[in-house]
Every structure is written in structure tokens, then in C-alpha cells.
Amino acid sequence: MLHGFLDLCLLAMLREKPDYGYGLAQRLATAGVADVPGGTLYPALLRLEQQGLASPSWGPSESGPRRKYYAITDLGRTELAAQVTGWQRFRDGVDTLVAAGARR
């Protein structure tokens, strides 16, 4: 179900605050969106980085090695706005279909 919307979710969370991979996975799970495995999450973060939508930096960890934190870039904010518009259209379309089916 998350296919095609993971980037949107990641950018939306990074708009709130920079975070590292595991922290983002926890936030997705807490929001009830999905339990995203590392094999899906980390390639998505790398893709955002390569597209210039997120910028990485190394930061401290409370335990263990340093963590790679991601922050949204200006280009990422622009892309997020476009993806939000697309998501809202998709959501409205699904709502219309579901409501029509419920009336039958």
C-alpha cells in the first residue's frame, strides 16, 4: 500500500525535523502508516539524497556509532508540495469511489 507514497511520507517527516533512518521508520510505524523494512527505507533515503531532495549529515548517537541524519532541502520542499497536491487528488478520487459504493 505504501508503494509510491514512501517518498511523500519521508519528505513530510523531514519537513518537521531532520532524522535518521531508524527514527523515520519508528515515526512511520507510530503514525500507523507502515512497518517499513530497512531494505525499503534506506534505498528510498538514498534516492532522496541523490535527487537533491534530502541532505545527509553525520550526528551523534546516544549509543554506538554516529548516525546519518537527513534534512529536507529547498528542492525537497518544492517536491513535497507537488506530491501533496497529487496525493490530495488521489485521496479525493478514492473517497469518491468509496462513497459511491457505499450508497449502493
C-alpha atoms as a PDB file:
ATOM      1  CA  MET A   1       0.000   0.000   0.000  1.00  0.00           C
ATOM      2  CA  LEU A   2       2.908   2.332   0.678  1.00  0.00           C
ATOM      3  CA  HIS A   3       4.327   1.848  -2.820  1.00  0.00           C
ATOM      4  CA  GLY A   4       4.589   5.239  -4.487  1.00  0.00           C
ATOM      5  CA  PHE A   5       3.982   7.188  -1.282  1.00  0.00           C
ATOM      6  CA  LEU A   6       7.065   6.448   0.794  1.00  0.00           C
ATOM      7  CA  ASP A   7       8.956   9.455  -0.590  1.00  0.00           C
ATOM      8  CA  LEU A   8       5.989  11.693   0.250  1.00  0.00           C
ATOM      9  CA  CYS A   9       5.888  10.364   3.810  1.00  0.00           C
ATOM     10  CA  LEU A  10       9.651  10.719   4.280  1.00  0.00           C
ATOM     11  CA  LEU A  11       9.718  14.276   2.947  1.00  0.00           C
ATOM     12  CA  ALA A  12       6.755  15.230   5.141  1.00  0.00           C
ATOM     13  CA  MET A  13       8.530  13.898   8.231  1.00  0.00           C
ATOM     14  CA  LEU A  14      11.807  15.581   7.289  1.00  0.00           C
ATOM     15  CA  ARG A  15       9.931  18.869   6.898  1.00  0.00           C
ATOM     16  CA  GLU A  16       9.134  18.590  10.620  1.00  0.00           C
ATOM     17  CA  LYS A  17      12.700  17.811  11.696  1.00  0.00           C
ATOM     18  CA  PRO A  18      15.882  16.122  10.483  1.00  0.00           C
ATOM     19  CA  ASP A  19      16.018  12.459  11.447  1.00  0.00           C
ATOM     20  CA  TYR A  20      17.930   9.228  10.859  1.00  0.00           C
ATOM     21  CA  GLY A  21      16.680   6.052   9.203  1.00  0.00           C
ATOM     22  CA  TYR A  22      15.573   4.110  12.261  1.00  0.00           C
ATOM     23  CA  GLY A  23      13.905   7.207  13.710  1.00  0.00           C
ATOM     24  CA  LEU A  24      11.965   7.698  10.475  1.00  0.00           C
ATOM     25  CA  ALA A  25      10.917   4.037  10.465  1.00  0.00           C
ATOM     26  CA  GLN A  26       9.666   4.401  14.039  1.00  0.00           C
ATOM     27  CA  ARG A  27       7.698   7.539  13.152  1.00  0.00           C
ATOM     28  CA  LEU A  28       6.068   5.767  10.184  1.00  0.00           C
ATOM     29  CA  ALA A  29       5.071   2.858  12.412  1.00  0.00           C
ATOM     30  CA  THR A  30       3.806   5.126  15.203  1.00  0.00           C
ATOM     31  CA  ALA A  31       1.680   7.068  12.705  1.00  0.00           C
ATOM     32  CA  GLY A  32       0.139   3.772  11.619  1.00  0.00           C
ATOM     33  CA  VAL A  33       1.375   4.197   8.057  1.00  0.00           C
ATOM     34  CA  ALA A  34       3.523   1.080   7.747  1.00  0.00           C
ATOM     35  CA  ASP A  35       6.295  -1.022   9.191  1.00  0.00           C
ATOM     36  CA  VAL A  36       8.941  -0.276   6.578  1.00  0.00           C
ATOM     37  CA  PRO A  37      11.882  -2.692   6.447  1.00  0.00           C
ATOM     38  CA  GLY A  38      15.399  -1.318   6.129  1.00  0.00           C
ATOM     39  CA  GLY A  39      15.697  -2.876   2.673  1.00  0.00           C
ATOM     40  CA  THR A  40      12.955  -0.494   1.535  1.00  0.00           C
ATOM     41  CA  LEU A  41      13.684   2.542   3.709  1.00  0.00           C
ATOM     42  CA  TYR A  42      17.401   3.042   3.114  1.00  0.00           C
ATOM     43  CA  PRO A  43      17.227   2.851  -0.702  1.00  0.00           C
ATOM     44  CA  ALA A  44      14.415   5.437  -0.546  1.00  0.00           C
ATOM     45  CA  LEU A  45      16.566   7.755   1.582  1.00  0.00           C
ATOM     46  CA  LEU A  46      19.494   7.281  -0.814  1.00  0.00           C
ATOM     47  CA  ARG A  47      17.180   8.124  -3.728  1.00  0.00           C
ATOM     48  CA  LEU A  48      16.043  11.339  -1.982  1.00  0.00           C
ATOM     49  CA  GLU A  49      19.688  12.219  -1.373  1.00  0.00           C
ATOM     50  CA  GLN A  50      20.706  11.548  -4.992  1.00  0.00           C
ATOM     51  CA  GLN A  51      17.794  13.637  -6.279  1.00  0.00           C
ATOM     52  CA  GLY A  52      18.817  16.552  -4.059  1.00  0.00           C
ATOM     53  CA  LEU A  53      15.588  16.349  -2.032  1.00  0.00           C
ATOM     54  CA  ALA A  54      17.298  15.458   1.251  1.00  0.00           C
ATOM     55  CA  SER A  55      20.719  16.347   2.566  1.00  0.00           C
ATOM     56  CA  PRO A  56      22.631  13.944   4.822  1.00  0.00           C
ATOM     57  CA  SER A  57      24.893  14.786   7.747  1.00  0.00           C
ATOM     58  CA  TRP A  58      26.525  12.700  10.427  1.00  0.00           C
ATOM     59  CA  GLY A  59      25.441  13.246  14.006  1.00  0.00           C
ATOM     60  CA  PRO A  60      25.990  11.731  17.412  1.00  0.00           C
ATOM     61  CA  SER A  61      24.239   8.651  18.685  1.00  0.00           C
ATOM     62  CA  GLU A  62      23.158   8.072  22.266  1.00  0.00           C
ATOM     63  CA  SER A  63      24.794   4.669  21.963  1.00  0.00           C
ATOM     64  CA  GLY A  64      27.028   3.185  19.318  1.00  0.00           C
ATOM     65  CA  PRO A  65      28.357   4.728  16.115  1.00  0.00           C
ATOM     66  CA  ARG A  66      27.352   8.090  14.681  1.00  0.00           C
ATOM     67  CA  ARG A  67      24.047   8.300  12.827  1.00  0.00           C
ATOM     68  CA  LYS A  68      23.357   9.583   9.353  1.00  0.00           C
ATOM     69  CA  TYR A  69      20.692  12.276   9.675  1.00  0.00           C
ATOM     70  CA  TYR A  70      18.658  13.568   6.752  1.00  0.00           C
ATOM     71  CA  ALA A  71      17.228  17.072   6.360  1.00  0.00           C
ATOM     72  CA  ILE A  72      14.846  18.272   3.677  1.00  0.00           C
ATOM     73  CA  THR A  73      16.327  20.674   1.111  1.00  0.00           C
ATOM     74  CA  ASP A  74      14.615  23.609  -0.611  1.00  0.00           C
ATOM     75  CA  LEU A  75      14.172  21.388  -3.666  1.00  0.00           C
ATOM     76  CA  GLY A  76      12.707  18.747  -1.356  1.00  0.00           C
ATOM     77  CA  ARG A  77      10.158  21.260  -0.044  1.00  0.00           C
ATOM     78  CA  THR A  78       9.127  22.092  -3.608  1.00  0.00           C
ATOM     79  CA  GLU A  79       8.820  18.403  -4.476  1.00  0.00           C
ATOM     80  CA  LEU A  80       6.864  17.747  -1.286  1.00  0.00           C
ATOM     81  CA  ALA A  81       4.339  20.455  -2.207  1.00  0.00           C
ATOM     82  CA  ALA A  82       3.856  18.862  -5.641  1.00  0.00           C
ATOM     83  CA  GLN A  83       3.487  15.383  -4.141  1.00  0.00           C
ATOM     84  CA  VAL A  84       0.977  16.634  -1.555  1.00  0.00           C
ATOM     85  CA  THR A  85      -1.169  18.047  -4.365  1.00  0.00           C
ATOM     86  CA  GLY A  86      -1.013  14.715  -6.195  1.00  0.00           C
ATOM     87  CA  TRP A  87      -1.824  12.808  -3.003  1.00  0.00           C
ATOM     88  CA  GLN A  88      -4.840  15.026  -2.292  1.00  0.00           C
ATOM     89  CA  ARG A  89      -6.210  14.405  -5.787  1.00  0.00           C
ATOM     90  CA  PHE A  90      -5.673  10.663  -5.388  1.00  0.00           C
ATOM     91  CA  ARG A  91      -7.281  10.643  -1.934  1.00  0.00           C
ATOM     92  CA  ASP A  92     -10.289  12.644  -3.169  1.00  0.00           C
ATOM     93  CA  GLY A  93     -10.744  10.218  -6.066  1.00  0.00           C
ATOM     94  CA  VAL A  94     -10.631   7.195  -3.770  1.00  0.00           C
ATOM     95  CA  ASP A  95     -13.061   8.880  -1.356  1.00  0.00           C
ATOM     96  CA  THR A  96     -15.464   9.483  -4.256  1.00  0.00           C
ATOM     97  CA  LEU A  97     -15.294   5.843  -5.340  1.00  0.00           C
ATOM     98  CA  VAL A  98     -15.719   4.512  -1.814  1.00  0.00           C
ATOM     99  CA  ALA A  99     -18.654   6.837  -1.096  1.00  0.00           C
ATOM    100  CA  ALA A 100     -20.359   5.857  -4.373  1.00  0.00           C
ATOM    101  CA  GLY A 101     -20.003   2.176  -3.499  1.00  0.00           C
ATOM    102  CA  ALA A 102     -21.399   2.745  -0.001  1.00  0.00           C
ATOM    103  CA  ARG A 103     -24.565   4.342  -1.404  1.00  0.00           C
ATOM    104  CA  ARG A 104     -25.450   1.221  -3.386  1.00  0.00           C
END
